[in-house]
PDB file of N, CA and C in Angstrom:
ATOM      1  N   MET A   1       3.037  15.476   6.824  1.00  0.00           N
ATOM      2  CA  MET A   1       1.919  15.326   5.823  1.00  0.00           C
ATOM      3  C   MET A   1       0.706  15.411   6.635  1.00  0.00           C
ATOM      4  N   ALA A   2       0.708  15.792   7.852  1.00  0.00           N
ATOM      5  CA  ALA A   2      -0.040  16.059   8.709  1.00  0.00           C
ATOM      6  C   ALA A   2      -0.645  17.755   9.021  1.00  0.00           C
ATOM      7  N   GLY A   3      -1.936  17.863   8.132  1.00  0.00           N
ATOM      8  CA  GLY A   3      -2.643  19.473   8.169  1.00  0.00           C
ATOM      9  C   GLY A   3      -2.421  20.216   9.454  1.00  0.00           C
ATOM     10  N   LYS A   4      -2.963  21.506   9.621  1.00  0.00           N
ATOM     11  CA  LYS A   4      -3.171  21.652  10.602  1.00  0.00           C
ATOM     12  C   LYS A   4      -4.774  21.325  11.546  1.00  0.00           C
ATOM     13  N   ASP A   5      -5.178  20.746  10.972  1.00  0.00           N
ATOM     14  CA  ASP A   5      -6.398  19.836  11.867  1.00  0.00           C
ATOM     15  C   ASP A   5      -6.206  18.488  11.407  1.00  0.00           C
ATOM     16  N   GLY A   6      -5.319  17.957  11.267  1.00  0.00           N
ATOM     17  CA  GLY A   6      -4.874  16.613  10.911  1.00  0.00           C
ATOM     18  C   GLY A   6      -3.541  15.873  11.133  1.00  0.00           C
ATOM     19  N   PHE A   7      -3.419  14.946  10.985  1.00  0.00           N
ATOM     20  CA  PHE A   7      -2.535  13.970  12.037  1.00  0.00           C
ATOM     21  C   PHE A   7      -2.081  13.303  11.134  1.00  0.00           C
ATOM     22  N   PHE A   8      -1.309  11.712  11.656  1.00  0.00           N
ATOM     23  CA  PHE A   8      -0.957  10.814  10.800  1.00  0.00           C
ATOM     24  C   PHE A   8      -0.350  10.354  11.316  1.00  0.00           C
ATOM     25  N   ILE A   9      -1.292   8.545  11.904  1.00  0.00           N
ATOM     26  CA  ILE A   9      -0.528   7.737  12.688  1.00  0.00           C
ATOM     27  C   ILE A   9       0.217   6.758  12.143  1.00  0.00           C
ATOM     28  N   GLU A  10       1.681   6.381  12.699  1.00  0.00           N
ATOM     29  CA  GLU A  10       2.605   5.309  12.008  1.00  0.00           C
ATOM     30  C   GLU A  10       1.644   4.013  12.045  1.00  0.00           C
ATOM     31  N   LEU A  11       2.002   3.314  11.374  1.00  0.00           N
ATOM     32  CA  LEU A  11       1.737   1.761  11.589  1.00  0.00           C
ATOM     33  C   LEU A  11       2.817   0.795  10.649  1.00  0.00           C
ATOM     34  N   GLY A  12       2.542  -0.464  11.551  1.00  0.00           N
ATOM     35  CA  GLY A  12       4.057  -0.415  10.686  1.00  0.00           C
ATOM     36  C   GLY A  12       4.132  -1.758   8.727  1.00  0.00           C
ATOM     37  N   SER A  13       3.119  -1.620   8.804  1.00  0.00           N
ATOM     38  CA  SER A  13       2.556  -2.616   7.120  1.00  0.00           C
ATOM     39  C   SER A  13       1.580  -1.770   6.935  1.00  0.00           C
ATOM     40  N   ILE A  14       1.354  -1.585   4.890  1.00  0.00           N
ATOM     41  CA  ILE A  14       0.313  -1.389   4.274  1.00  0.00           C
ATOM     42  C   ILE A  14      -0.682  -2.260   4.937  1.00  0.00           C
ATOM     43  N   THR A  15      -1.122  -3.643   5.119  1.00  0.00           N
ATOM     44  CA  THR A  15      -1.379  -4.113   6.016  1.00  0.00           C
ATOM     45  C   THR A  15      -2.138  -3.597   6.784  1.00  0.00           C
ATOM     46  N   GLN A  16      -1.434  -3.559   8.128  1.00  0.00           N
ATOM     47  CA  GLN A  16      -2.159  -2.760   9.656  1.00  0.00           C
ATOM     48  C   GLN A  16      -3.127  -1.459   9.100  1.00  0.00           C
ATOM     49  N   ALA A  17      -2.176  -0.303   8.174  1.00  0.00           N
ATOM     50  CA  ALA A  17      -2.971   0.452   7.399  1.00  0.00           C
ATOM     51  C   ALA A  17      -4.222   0.242   6.853  1.00  0.00           C
ATOM     52  N   HIS A  18      -4.110  -0.304   6.159  1.00  0.00           N
ATOM     53  CA  HIS A  18      -5.695  -1.090   5.689  1.00  0.00           C
ATOM     54  C   HIS A  18      -6.750  -1.312   6.495  1.00  0.00           C
ATOM     55  N   LYS A  19      -5.640  -2.332   7.588  1.00  0.00           N
ATOM     56  CA  LYS A  19      -6.870  -2.732   8.944  1.00  0.00           C
ATOM     57  C   LYS A  19      -7.435  -1.635   8.977  1.00  0.00           C
ATOM     58  N   ALA A  20      -6.622  -0.652   9.846  1.00  0.00           N
ATOM     59  CA  ALA A  20      -6.977   0.627  10.569  1.00  0.00           C
ATOM     60  C   ALA A  20      -7.597   1.090  10.071  1.00  0.00           C
ATOM     61  N   GLN A  21      -7.869   1.394   8.864  1.00  0.00           N
ATOM     62  CA  GLN A  21      -8.535   2.070   7.703  1.00  0.00           C
ATOM     63  C   GLN A  21     -10.302   1.678   8.235  1.00  0.00           C
ATOM     64  N   LYS A  22     -10.115   0.503   7.460  1.00  0.00           N
ATOM     65  CA  LYS A  22     -11.672  -0.427   8.432  1.00  0.00           C
ATOM     66  C   LYS A  22     -12.217   0.018   9.208  1.00  0.00           C
ATOM     67  N   ILE A  23     -11.499  -0.321  10.340  1.00  0.00           N
ATOM     68  CA  ILE A  23     -12.149   0.256  11.774  1.00  0.00           C
ATOM     69  C   ILE A  23     -12.293   1.397  12.191  1.00  0.00           C
ATOM     70  N   LEU A  24     -11.649   2.561  11.308  1.00  0.00           N
ATOM     71  CA  LEU A  24     -12.365   3.744  11.620  1.00  0.00           C
ATOM     72  C   LEU A  24     -13.144   4.171  10.937  1.00  0.00           C
ATOM     73  N   GLU A  25     -13.331   3.278   9.213  1.00  0.00           N
ATOM     74  CA  GLU A  25     -14.239   3.906   8.082  1.00  0.00           C
ATOM     75  C   GLU A  25     -15.639   2.903   9.075  1.00  0.00           C
ATOM     76  N   LYS A  26     -16.068   1.927   9.853  1.00  0.00           N
ATOM     77  CA  LYS A  26     -16.603   1.351  10.718  1.00  0.00           C
ATOM     78  C   LYS A  26     -17.198   2.378  11.372  1.00  0.00           C
ATOM     79  N   ASN A  27     -16.602   3.460  12.335  1.00  0.00           N
ATOM     80  CA  ASN A  27     -16.831   4.150  13.880  1.00  0.00           C
ATOM     81  C   ASN A  27     -16.646   5.400  12.485  1.00  0.00           C
ATOM     82  N   GLY A  28     -16.868   5.196  11.560  1.00  0.00           N
ATOM     83  CA  GLY A  28     -17.817   6.707  11.113  1.00  0.00           C
ATOM     84  C   GLY A  28     -16.254   7.427  11.108  1.00  0.00           C
ATOM     85  N   ILE A  29     -15.320   7.144  10.654  1.00  0.00           N
ATOM     86  CA  ILE A  29     -14.262   8.022  11.262  1.00  0.00           C
ATOM     87  C   ILE A  29     -13.384   8.083   9.660  1.00  0.00           C
ATOM     88  N   SER A  30     -13.575   8.559   8.651  1.00  0.00           N
ATOM     89  CA  SER A  30     -12.852   8.881   7.300  1.00  0.00           C
ATOM     90  C   SER A  30     -11.611   9.345   7.649  1.00  0.00           C
ATOM     91  N   SER A  31     -10.495   8.321   7.003  1.00  0.00           N
ATOM     92  CA  SER A  31      -8.643   8.181   6.970  1.00  0.00           C
ATOM     93  C   SER A  31      -8.889   7.946   5.464  1.00  0.00           C
ATOM     94  N   ASN A  32      -7.088   8.191   5.168  1.00  0.00           N
ATOM     95  CA  ASN A  32      -6.301   8.047   4.098  1.00  0.00           C
ATOM     96  C   ASN A  32      -5.167   7.003   4.495  1.00  0.00           C
ATOM     97  N   VAL A  33      -4.862   6.089   3.707  1.00  0.00           N
ATOM     98  CA  VAL A  33      -3.845   5.133   3.850  1.00  0.00           C
ATOM     99  C   VAL A  33      -2.329   5.820   2.703  1.00  0.00           C
ATOM    100  N   GLY A  34      -1.518   5.901   3.656  1.00  0.00           N
ATOM    101  CA  GLY A  34      -0.430   6.585   3.075  1.00  0.00           C
ATOM    102  C   GLY A  34       0.920   5.959   3.323  1.00  0.00           C
ATOM    103  N   LYS A  35       1.611   6.352   2.846  1.00  0.00           N
ATOM    104  CA  LYS A  35       3.862   5.761   2.968  1.00  0.00           C
ATOM    105  C   LYS A  35       4.457   6.651   3.436  1.00  0.00           C
ATOM    106  N   LEU A  36       5.099   6.551   4.656  1.00  0.00           N
ATOM    107  CA  LEU A  36       5.948   7.718   5.102  1.00  0.00           C
ATOM    108  C   LEU A  36       7.143   8.034   4.401  1.00  0.00           C
ATOM    109  N   PRO A  37       8.034   9.097   4.161  1.00  0.00           N
ATOM    110  CA  PRO A  37       9.210   9.150   3.521  1.00  0.00           C
ATOM    111  C   PRO A  37      10.675   8.055   3.855  1.00  0.00           C
ATOM    112  N   SER A  38      10.941   7.406   3.022  1.00  0.00           N
ATOM    113  CA  SER A  38      12.352   6.327   3.611  1.00  0.00           C
ATOM    114  C   SER A  38      12.677   7.084   5.227  1.00  0.00           C
ATOM    115  N   GLN A  39      12.583   5.969   5.732  1.00  0.00           N
ATOM    116  CA  GLN A  39      13.001   6.029   7.557  1.00  0.00           C
ATOM    117  C   GLN A  39      14.393   5.040   7.527  1.00  0.00           C
ATOM    118  N   SER A  40      15.237   4.993   8.460  1.00  0.00           N
ATOM    119  CA  SER A  40      15.792   4.472   9.071  1.00  0.00           C
ATOM    120  C   SER A  40      15.493   2.853   8.993  1.00  0.00           C
ATOM    121  N   ARG A  41      14.322   2.898   9.371  1.00  0.00           N
ATOM    122  CA  ARG A  41      13.738   1.023   9.560  1.00  0.00           C
ATOM    123  C   ARG A  41      12.910   0.745   8.537  1.00  0.00           C
ATOM    124  N   GLY A  42      13.151   1.286   7.219  1.00  0.00           N
ATOM    125  CA  GLY A  42      12.376   0.591   6.299  1.00  0.00           C
ATOM    126  C   GLY A  42      11.481   1.634   5.512  1.00  0.00           C
ATOM    127  N   CYS A  43      10.924   0.648   5.547  1.00  0.00           N
ATOM    128  CA  CYS A  43       9.288   1.167   5.180  1.00  0.00           C
ATOM    129  C   CYS A  43       8.045   1.831   5.901  1.00  0.00           C
ATOM    130  N   SER A  44       7.676   2.375   6.122  1.00  0.00           N
ATOM    131  CA  SER A  44       6.458   2.766   6.980  1.00  0.00           C
ATOM    132  C   SER A  44       5.176   3.063   6.559  1.00  0.00           C
ATOM    133  N   TYR A  45       4.188   3.266   6.960  1.00  0.00           N
ATOM    134  CA  TYR A  45       3.472   2.887   6.172  1.00  0.00           C
ATOM    135  C   TYR A  45       2.088   3.471   7.136  1.00  0.00           C
ATOM    136  N   GLY A  46       0.809   4.179   7.463  1.00  0.00           N
ATOM    137  CA  GLY A  46       0.334   5.031   8.293  1.00  0.00           C
ATOM    138  C   GLY A  46      -1.646   5.112   7.861  1.00  0.00           C
ATOM    139  N   ILE A  47      -2.040   6.289   8.063  1.00  0.00           N
ATOM    140  CA  ILE A  47      -3.022   6.688   7.944  1.00  0.00           C
ATOM    141  C   ILE A  47      -3.320   8.036   8.358  1.00  0.00           C
ATOM    142  N   TYR A  48      -3.962   8.579   7.646  1.00  0.00           N
ATOM    143  CA  TYR A  48      -3.932  10.501   8.039  1.00  0.00           C
ATOM    144  C   TYR A  48      -5.763  10.289   8.120  1.00  0.00           C
ATOM    145  N   VAL A  49      -5.869  11.662   9.501  1.00  0.00           N
ATOM    146  CA  VAL A  49      -6.828  11.548   9.913  1.00  0.00           C
ATOM    147  C   VAL A  49      -7.219  13.512  10.347  1.00  0.00           C
ATOM    148  N   SER A  50      -8.345  13.220   9.961  1.00  0.00           N
ATOM    149  CA  SER A  50      -8.693  14.996  10.477  1.00  0.00           C
ATOM    150  C   SER A  50      -9.719  15.616  10.593  1.00  0.00           C
ATOM    151  N   GLY A  51      -9.924  16.255  11.541  1.00  0.00           N
ATOM    152  CA  GLY A  51     -11.301  16.261  12.090  1.00  0.00           C
ATOM    153  C   GLY A  51     -11.580  15.768  13.586  1.00  0.00           C
ATOM    154  N   ARG A  52     -10.618  15.086  13.866  1.00  0.00           N
ATOM    155  CA  ARG A  52     -10.753  14.649  15.173  1.00  0.00           C
ATOM    156  C   ARG A  52      -9.268  14.791  16.081  1.00  0.00           C
ATOM    157  N   LYS A  53      -9.479  13.927  17.252  1.00  0.00           N
ATOM    158  CA  LYS A  53      -8.659  14.181  18.411  1.00  0.00           C
ATOM    159  C   LYS A  53      -7.673  13.274  18.499  1.00  0.00           C
ATOM    160  N   LYS A  54      -6.508  13.249  18.013  1.00  0.00           N
ATOM    161  CA  LYS A  54      -5.005  11.697  18.148  1.00  0.00           C
ATOM    162  C   LYS A  54      -5.621  10.855  18.837  1.00  0.00           C
ATOM    163  N   GLU A  55      -5.960  11.173  20.356  1.00  0.00           N
ATOM    164  CA  GLU A  55      -5.849  10.641  21.506  1.00  0.00           C
ATOM    165  C   GLU A  55      -6.947   9.454  20.965  1.00  0.00           C
ATOM    166  N   GLU A  56      -8.378  10.239  20.825  1.00  0.00           N
ATOM    167  CA  GLU A  56      -9.420   9.094  20.437  1.00  0.00           C
ATOM    168  C   GLU A  56      -9.365   8.237  19.083  1.00  0.00           C
ATOM    169  N   VAL A  57      -8.483   8.967  18.154  1.00  0.00           N
ATOM    170  CA  VAL A  57      -8.626   7.773  17.419  1.00  0.00           C
ATOM    171  C   VAL A  57      -7.416   6.545  17.315  1.00  0.00           C
ATOM    172  N   ALA A  58      -6.408   7.062  18.029  1.00  0.00           N
ATOM    173  CA  ALA A  58      -5.437   5.507  18.527  1.00  0.00           C
ATOM    174  C   ALA A  58      -6.214   5.397  20.072  1.00  0.00           C
ATOM    175  N   LEU A  59      -6.310   5.449  21.049  1.00  0.00           N
ATOM    176  CA  LEU A  59      -7.413   4.258  21.640  1.00  0.00           C
ATOM    177  C   LEU A  59      -8.494   3.294  20.912  1.00  0.00           C
ATOM    178  N   LEU A  60      -9.642   3.659  19.878  1.00  0.00           N
ATOM    179  CA  LEU A  60      -9.980   3.017  19.327  1.00  0.00           C
ATOM    180  C   LEU A  60      -9.167   1.851  18.651  1.00  0.00           C
ATOM    181  N   LEU A  61      -8.037   2.031  18.299  1.00  0.00           N
ATOM    182  CA  LEU A  61      -7.211   1.159  17.475  1.00  0.00           C
ATOM    183  C   LEU A  61      -6.559   0.177  18.175  1.00  0.00           C
ATOM    184  N   ARG A  62      -5.398   1.039  19.250  1.00  0.00           N
ATOM    185  CA  ARG A  62      -5.226  -0.144  19.898  1.00  0.00           C
ATOM    186  C   ARG A  62      -6.339  -1.076  20.956  1.00  0.00           C
ATOM    187  N   ALA A  63      -7.787  -0.863  20.868  1.00  0.00           N
ATOM    188  CA  ALA A  63      -9.079  -1.723  21.924  1.00  0.00           C
ATOM    189  C   ALA A  63      -8.910  -2.612  20.455  1.00  0.00           C
ATOM    190  N   SER A  64      -8.528  -2.380  19.104  1.00  0.00           N
ATOM    191  CA  SER A  64      -8.674  -3.601  17.494  1.00  0.00           C
ATOM    192  C   SER A  64      -7.575  -3.694  17.608  1.00  0.00           C
ATOM    193  N   SER A  65      -6.886  -3.811  18.842  1.00  0.00           N
ATOM    194  CA  SER A  65      -5.431  -4.642  18.048  1.00  0.00           C
ATOM    195  C   SER A  65      -4.773  -4.525  17.174  1.00  0.00           C
ATOM    196  N   VAL A  66      -4.720  -3.029  16.702  1.00  0.00           N
ATOM    197  CA  VAL A  66      -3.675  -1.622  15.931  1.00  0.00           C
ATOM    198  C   VAL A  66      -2.421  -1.683  16.412  1.00  0.00           C
ATOM    199  N   LYS A  67      -1.427  -2.077  16.189  1.00  0.00           N
ATOM    200  CA  LYS A  67      -0.442  -1.658  16.912  1.00  0.00           C
ATOM    201  C   LYS A  67       0.236  -0.532  16.646  1.00  0.00           C
ATOM    202  N   ILE A  68       0.488   0.983  17.311  1.00  0.00           N
ATOM    203  CA  ILE A  68       0.773   1.965  16.534  1.00  0.00           C
ATOM    204  C   ILE A  68       2.058   2.293  17.006  1.00  0.00           C
ATOM    205  N   LEU A  69       3.022   2.717  15.976  1.00  0.00           N
ATOM    206  CA  LEU A  69       4.026   2.582  16.171  1.00  0.00           C
ATOM    207  C   LEU A  69       4.596   3.815  16.817  1.00  0.00           C
TER     208      LEU A  69
END
């Protein structure tokens, strides 16, 4: 799902994905919530972000107590 200028951050639930989206929005970063294709560990949701560095976004989410898988 990640394009050449974007990436997908995997989170454990849709609730965590929406929480992450709100945190990013408050920090001027747009994102889209999405569901990953079925995997061995069940349903996985996450957020797709473009135009930013993955490390920057991950650091912000972790600082806000969002667990990234």
